[in-house]
Amino acid sequence: MQMLAAAKLRQAWGDKPCDHPHIEQEYHFGSNTGEYVCTQRGKAKEGSDWNKRTSDP
């Protein structure tokens, strides 16, 4: 997912909770940022399994 698309998702999602059901690599102009982003909410963090390791909303 492109970084800009993730930012738009975050803005639209707001403060609602999310269980981050699916994450994928984040890219910025075709370059991998090293982070993974929730495809539902747009939240990005390091690690390909952060959505399984955290209860972060």
PDB file of N, CA and C in Angstrom:
ATOM      1  N   MET A   1       0.844  -1.163   0.000  1.00  0.00           N
ATOM      2  CA  MET A   1       0.000   0.000   0.000  1.00  0.00           C
ATOM      3  C   MET A   1       0.897   1.235   0.000  1.00  0.00           C
ATOM      4  N   GLN A   2       0.527   2.212  -0.784  1.00  0.00           N
ATOM      5  CA  GLN A   2       1.271   3.459  -0.832  1.00  0.00           C
ATOM      6  C   GLN A   2       1.048   4.275   0.440  1.00  0.00           C
ATOM      7  N   MET A   3       2.082   4.982   0.865  1.00  0.00           N
ATOM      8  CA  MET A   3       2.043   5.767   2.091  1.00  0.00           C
ATOM      9  C   MET A   3       0.894   6.780   2.076  1.00  0.00           C
ATOM     10  N   LEU A   4       0.655   7.431   0.958  1.00  0.00           N
ATOM     11  CA  LEU A   4      -0.416   8.426   0.860  1.00  0.00           C
ATOM     12  C   LEU A   4      -1.786   7.774   1.041  1.00  0.00           C
ATOM     13  N   ALA A   5      -1.973   6.593   0.478  1.00  0.00           N
ATOM     14  CA  ALA A   5      -3.244   5.881   0.641  1.00  0.00           C
ATOM     15  C   ALA A   5      -3.468   5.514   2.102  1.00  0.00           C
ATOM     16  N   ALA A   6      -2.406   5.116   2.800  1.00  0.00           N
ATOM     17  CA  ALA A   6      -2.517   4.787   4.222  1.00  0.00           C
ATOM     18  C   ALA A   6      -2.893   6.026   5.030  1.00  0.00           C
ATOM     19  N   ALA A   7      -2.307   7.164   4.695  1.00  0.00           N
ATOM     20  CA  ALA A   7      -2.624   8.411   5.400  1.00  0.00           C
ATOM     21  C   ALA A   7      -4.089   8.781   5.208  1.00  0.00           C
ATOM     22  N   LYS A   8      -4.605   8.592   4.009  1.00  0.00           N
ATOM     23  CA  LYS A   8      -6.018   8.880   3.752  1.00  0.00           C
ATOM     24  C   LYS A   8      -6.923   7.937   4.548  1.00  0.00           C
ATOM     25  N   LEU A   9      -6.541   6.668   4.644  1.00  0.00           N
ATOM     26  CA  LEU A   9      -7.312   5.710   5.446  1.00  0.00           C
ATOM     27  C   LEU A   9      -7.339   6.129   6.916  1.00  0.00           C
ATOM     28  N   ARG A  10      -6.181   6.509   7.455  1.00  0.00           N
ATOM     29  CA  ARG A  10      -6.108   6.942   8.856  1.00  0.00           C
ATOM     30  C   ARG A  10      -7.030   8.119   9.109  1.00  0.00           C
ATOM     31  N   GLN A  11      -7.036   9.074   8.212  1.00  0.00           N
ATOM     32  CA  GLN A  11      -7.869  10.259   8.368  1.00  0.00           C
ATOM     33  C   GLN A  11      -9.352   9.888   8.319  1.00  0.00           C
ATOM     34  N   ALA A  12      -9.723   9.027   7.399  1.00  0.00           N
ATOM     35  CA  ALA A  12     -11.124   8.631   7.269  1.00  0.00           C
ATOM     36  C   ALA A  12     -11.574   7.740   8.432  1.00  0.00           C
ATOM     37  N   TRP A  13     -10.664   6.917   8.947  1.00  0.00           N
ATOM     38  CA  TRP A  13     -11.002   5.966  10.013  1.00  0.00           C
ATOM     39  C   TRP A  13     -11.246   6.676  11.341  1.00  0.00           C
ATOM     40  N   GLY A  14     -10.452   7.683  11.638  1.00  0.00           N
ATOM     41  CA  GLY A  14     -10.602   8.424  12.888  1.00  0.00           C
ATOM     42  C   GLY A  14     -10.097   7.627  14.078  1.00  0.00           C
ATOM     43  N   ASP A  15     -10.805   7.759  15.202  1.00  0.00           N
ATOM     44  CA  ASP A  15     -10.386   7.130  16.458  1.00  0.00           C
ATOM     45  C   ASP A  15     -11.090   5.813  16.758  1.00  0.00           C
ATOM     46  N   LYS A  16     -11.806   5.269  15.780  1.00  0.00           N
ATOM     47  CA  LYS A  16     -12.507   4.005  16.019  1.00  0.00           C
ATOM     48  C   LYS A  16     -11.499   2.883  16.265  1.00  0.00           C
ATOM     49  N   PRO A  17     -11.848   1.923  17.101  1.00  0.00           N
ATOM     50  CA  PRO A  17     -10.939   0.790  17.312  1.00  0.00           C
ATOM     51  C   PRO A  17     -10.841  -0.080  16.055  1.00  0.00           C
ATOM     52  N   CYS A  18      -9.745  -0.805  15.958  1.00  0.00           N
ATOM     53  CA  CYS A  18      -9.514  -1.681  14.805  1.00  0.00           C
ATOM     54  C   CYS A  18      -8.671  -2.858  15.275  1.00  0.00           C
ATOM     55  N   ASP A  19      -9.007  -4.052  14.825  1.00  0.00           N
ATOM     56  CA  ASP A  19      -8.211  -5.222  15.208  1.00  0.00           C
ATOM     57  C   ASP A  19      -7.144  -5.549  14.163  1.00  0.00           C
ATOM     58  N   HIS A  20      -6.978  -4.674  13.175  1.00  0.00           N
ATOM     59  CA  HIS A  20      -5.938  -4.792  12.149  1.00  0.00           C
ATOM     60  C   HIS A  20      -5.929  -6.204  11.532  1.00  0.00           C
ATOM     61  N   PRO A  21      -7.023  -6.581  10.869  1.00  0.00           N
ATOM     62  CA  PRO A  21      -7.146  -7.948  10.349  1.00  0.00           C
ATOM     63  C   PRO A  21      -6.146  -8.306   9.255  1.00  0.00           C
ATOM     64  N   HIS A  22      -5.660  -7.314   8.506  1.00  0.00           N
ATOM     65  CA  HIS A  22      -4.725  -7.614   7.423  1.00  0.00           C
ATOM     66  C   HIS A  22      -3.738  -6.462   7.297  1.00  0.00           C
ATOM     67  N   ILE A  23      -2.454  -6.794   7.226  1.00  0.00           N
ATOM     68  CA  ILE A  23      -1.434  -5.766   7.010  1.00  0.00           C
ATOM     69  C   ILE A  23      -0.608  -6.132   5.783  1.00  0.00           C
ATOM     70  N   GLU A  24      -0.048  -5.114   5.166  1.00  0.00           N
ATOM     71  CA  GLU A  24       0.824  -5.335   4.014  1.00  0.00           C
ATOM     72  C   GLU A  24       1.937  -4.296   4.029  1.00  0.00           C
ATOM     73  N   GLN A  25       2.959  -4.531   3.238  1.00  0.00           N
ATOM     74  CA  GLN A  25       4.102  -3.623   3.201  1.00  0.00           C
ATOM     75  C   GLN A  25       3.677  -2.242   2.718  1.00  0.00           C
ATOM     76  N   GLU A  26       4.328  -1.235   3.276  1.00  0.00           N
ATOM     77  CA  GLU A  26       4.048   0.149   2.898  1.00  0.00           C
ATOM     78  C   GLU A  26       5.135   0.626   1.943  1.00  0.00           C
ATOM     79  N   TYR A  27       4.729   1.387   0.943  1.00  0.00           N
ATOM     80  CA  TYR A  27       5.643   1.913  -0.068  1.00  0.00           C
ATOM     81  C   TYR A  27       5.466   3.410  -0.202  1.00  0.00           C
ATOM     82  N   HIS A  28       6.555   4.082  -0.546  1.00  0.00           N
ATOM     83  CA  HIS A  28       6.524   5.512  -0.830  1.00  0.00           C
ATOM     84  C   HIS A  28       7.207   5.714  -2.174  1.00  0.00           C
ATOM     85  N   PHE A  29       6.435   6.060  -3.182  1.00  0.00           N
ATOM     86  CA  PHE A  29       6.935   6.207  -4.546  1.00  0.00           C
ATOM     87  C   PHE A  29       7.709   4.977  -5.007  1.00  0.00           C
ATOM     88  N   GLY A  30       7.171   3.801  -4.721  1.00  0.00           N
ATOM     89  CA  GLY A  30       7.758   2.554  -5.174  1.00  0.00           C
ATOM     90  C   GLY A  30       8.838   1.972  -4.286  1.00  0.00           C
ATOM     91  N   SER A  31       9.279   2.724  -3.290  1.00  0.00           N
ATOM     92  CA  SER A  31      10.306   2.226  -2.376  1.00  0.00           C
ATOM     93  C   SER A  31       9.664   1.724  -1.090  1.00  0.00           C
ATOM     94  N   ASN A  32      10.104   0.573  -0.633  1.00  0.00           N
ATOM     95  CA  ASN A  32       9.602  -0.012   0.603  1.00  0.00           C
ATOM     96  C   ASN A  32      10.028   0.861   1.774  1.00  0.00           C
ATOM     97  N   THR A  33       9.072   1.242   2.647  1.00  0.00           N
ATOM     98  CA  THR A  33       9.391   2.093   3.800  1.00  0.00           C
ATOM     99  C   THR A  33       9.932   1.288   4.975  1.00  0.00           C
ATOM    100  N   GLY A  34       9.789  -0.036   4.936  1.00  0.00           N
ATOM    101  CA  GLY A  34      10.218  -0.880   6.046  1.00  0.00           C
ATOM    102  C   GLY A  34       9.116  -1.096   7.070  1.00  0.00           C
ATOM    103  N   GLU A  35       7.968  -0.495   6.838  1.00  0.00           N
ATOM    104  CA  GLU A  35       6.839  -0.657   7.751  1.00  0.00           C
ATOM    105  C   GLU A  35       5.736  -1.440   7.073  1.00  0.00           C
ATOM    106  N   TYR A  36       4.831  -1.936   7.906  1.00  0.00           N
ATOM    107  CA  TYR A  36       3.650  -2.650   7.425  1.00  0.00           C
ATOM    108  C   TYR A  36       2.438  -1.854   7.865  1.00  0.00           C
ATOM    109  N   VAL A  37       1.435  -1.799   7.016  1.00  0.00           N
ATOM    110  CA  VAL A  37       0.278  -0.944   7.254  1.00  0.00           C
ATOM    111  C   VAL A  37      -1.011  -1.769   7.265  1.00  0.00           C
ATOM    112  N   CYS A  38      -1.908  -1.421   8.180  1.00  0.00           N
ATOM    113  CA  CYS A  38      -3.225  -2.054   8.255  1.00  0.00           C
ATOM    114  C   CYS A  38      -4.041  -1.574   7.060  1.00  0.00           C
ATOM    115  N   THR A  39      -4.558  -2.502   6.270  1.00  0.00           N
ATOM    116  CA  THR A  39      -5.305  -2.131   5.070  1.00  0.00           C
ATOM    117  C   THR A  39      -6.708  -1.633   5.389  1.00  0.00           C
ATOM    118  N   GLN A  40      -7.135  -1.785   6.619  1.00  0.00           N
ATOM    119  CA  GLN A  40      -8.462  -1.312   7.025  1.00  0.00           C
ATOM    120  C   GLN A  40      -8.384   0.088   7.632  1.00  0.00           C
ATOM    121  N   ARG A  41      -7.405   0.323   8.494  1.00  0.00           N
ATOM    122  CA  ARG A  41      -7.302   1.581   9.234  1.00  0.00           C
ATOM    123  C   ARG A  41      -6.203   2.510   8.731  1.00  0.00           C
ATOM    124  N   GLY A  42      -5.136   1.945   8.172  1.00  0.00           N
ATOM    125  CA  GLY A  42      -4.036   2.756   7.688  1.00  0.00           C
ATOM    126  C   GLY A  42      -2.906   2.938   8.681  1.00  0.00           C
ATOM    127  N   LYS A  43      -3.005   2.312   9.860  1.00  0.00           N
ATOM    128  CA  LYS A  43      -1.951   2.432  10.866  1.00  0.00           C
ATOM    129  C   LYS A  43      -0.718   1.661  10.391  1.00  0.00           C
ATOM    130  N   ALA A  44       0.466   2.263  10.558  1.00  0.00           N
ATOM    131  CA  ALA A  44       1.711   1.636  10.109  1.00  0.00           C
ATOM    132  C   ALA A  44       2.661   1.457  11.280  1.00  0.00           C
ATOM    133  N   LYS A  45       3.355   0.312  11.285  1.00  0.00           N
ATOM    134  CA  LYS A  45       4.374   0.003  12.293  1.00  0.00           C
ATOM    135  C   LYS A  45       5.402  -0.921  11.668  1.00  0.00           C
ATOM    136  N   GLU A  46       6.527  -1.061  12.354  1.00  0.00           N
ATOM    137  CA  GLU A  46       7.567  -1.990  11.899  1.00  0.00           C
ATOM    138  C   GLU A  46       7.185  -3.416  12.272  1.00  0.00           C
ATOM    139  N   GLY A  47       7.593  -4.349  11.449  1.00  0.00           N
ATOM    140  CA  GLY A  47       7.392  -5.770  11.725  1.00  0.00           C
ATOM    141  C   GLY A  47       6.191  -6.333  10.991  1.00  0.00           C
ATOM    142  N   SER A  48       6.386  -7.471  10.371  1.00  0.00           N
ATOM    143  CA  SER A  48       5.327  -8.075   9.563  1.00  0.00           C
ATOM    144  C   SER A  48       4.244  -8.746  10.400  1.00  0.00           C
ATOM    145  N   ASP A  49       4.417  -8.760  11.737  1.00  0.00           N
ATOM    146  CA  ASP A  49       3.398  -9.374  12.590  1.00  0.00           C
ATOM    147  C   ASP A  49       2.969  -8.459  13.728  1.00  0.00           C
ATOM    148  N   TRP A  50       3.162  -7.145  13.587  1.00  0.00           N
ATOM    149  CA  TRP A  50       2.817  -6.237  14.676  1.00  0.00           C
ATOM    150  C   TRP A  50       1.346  -6.302  15.033  1.00  0.00           C
ATOM    151  N   ASN A  51       0.502  -6.601  14.064  1.00  0.00           N
ATOM    152  CA  ASN A  51      -0.934  -6.672  14.352  1.00  0.00           C
ATOM    153  C   ASN A  51      -1.277  -7.855  15.236  1.00  0.00           C
ATOM    154  N   LYS A  52      -0.423  -8.847  15.311  1.00  0.00           N
ATOM    155  CA  LYS A  52      -0.645 -10.017  16.169  1.00  0.00           C
ATOM    156  C   LYS A  52      -0.007  -9.845  17.552  1.00  0.00           C
ATOM    157  N   ARG A  53       0.968  -8.915  17.642  1.00  0.00           N
ATOM    158  CA  ARG A  53       1.725  -8.733  18.882  1.00  0.00           C
ATOM    159  C   ARG A  53       1.176  -7.626  19.764  1.00  0.00           C
ATOM    160  N   THR A  54       0.223  -6.852  19.302  1.00  0.00           N
ATOM    161  CA  THR A  54      -0.204  -5.682  20.072  1.00  0.00           C
ATOM    162  C   THR A  54      -1.711  -5.611  20.199  1.00  0.00           C
ATOM    163  N   SER A  55      -2.168  -5.020  21.266  1.00  0.00           N
ATOM    164  CA  SER A  55      -3.592  -4.759  21.434  1.00  0.00           C
ATOM    165  C   SER A  55      -3.864  -3.283  21.179  1.00  0.00           C
ATOM    166  N   ASP A  56      -2.900  -2.621  20.545  1.00  0.00           N
ATOM    167  CA  ASP A  56      -2.986  -1.205  20.223  1.00  0.00           C
ATOM    168  C   ASP A  56      -4.197  -0.938  19.340  1.00  0.00           C
ATOM    169  N   PRO A  57      -5.080  -0.041  19.743  1.00  0.00           N
ATOM    170  CA  PRO A  57      -6.276   0.248  18.926  1.00  0.00           C
ATOM    171  C   PRO A  57      -5.955   0.967  17.635  1.00  0.00           C
TER     172      PRO A  57
END
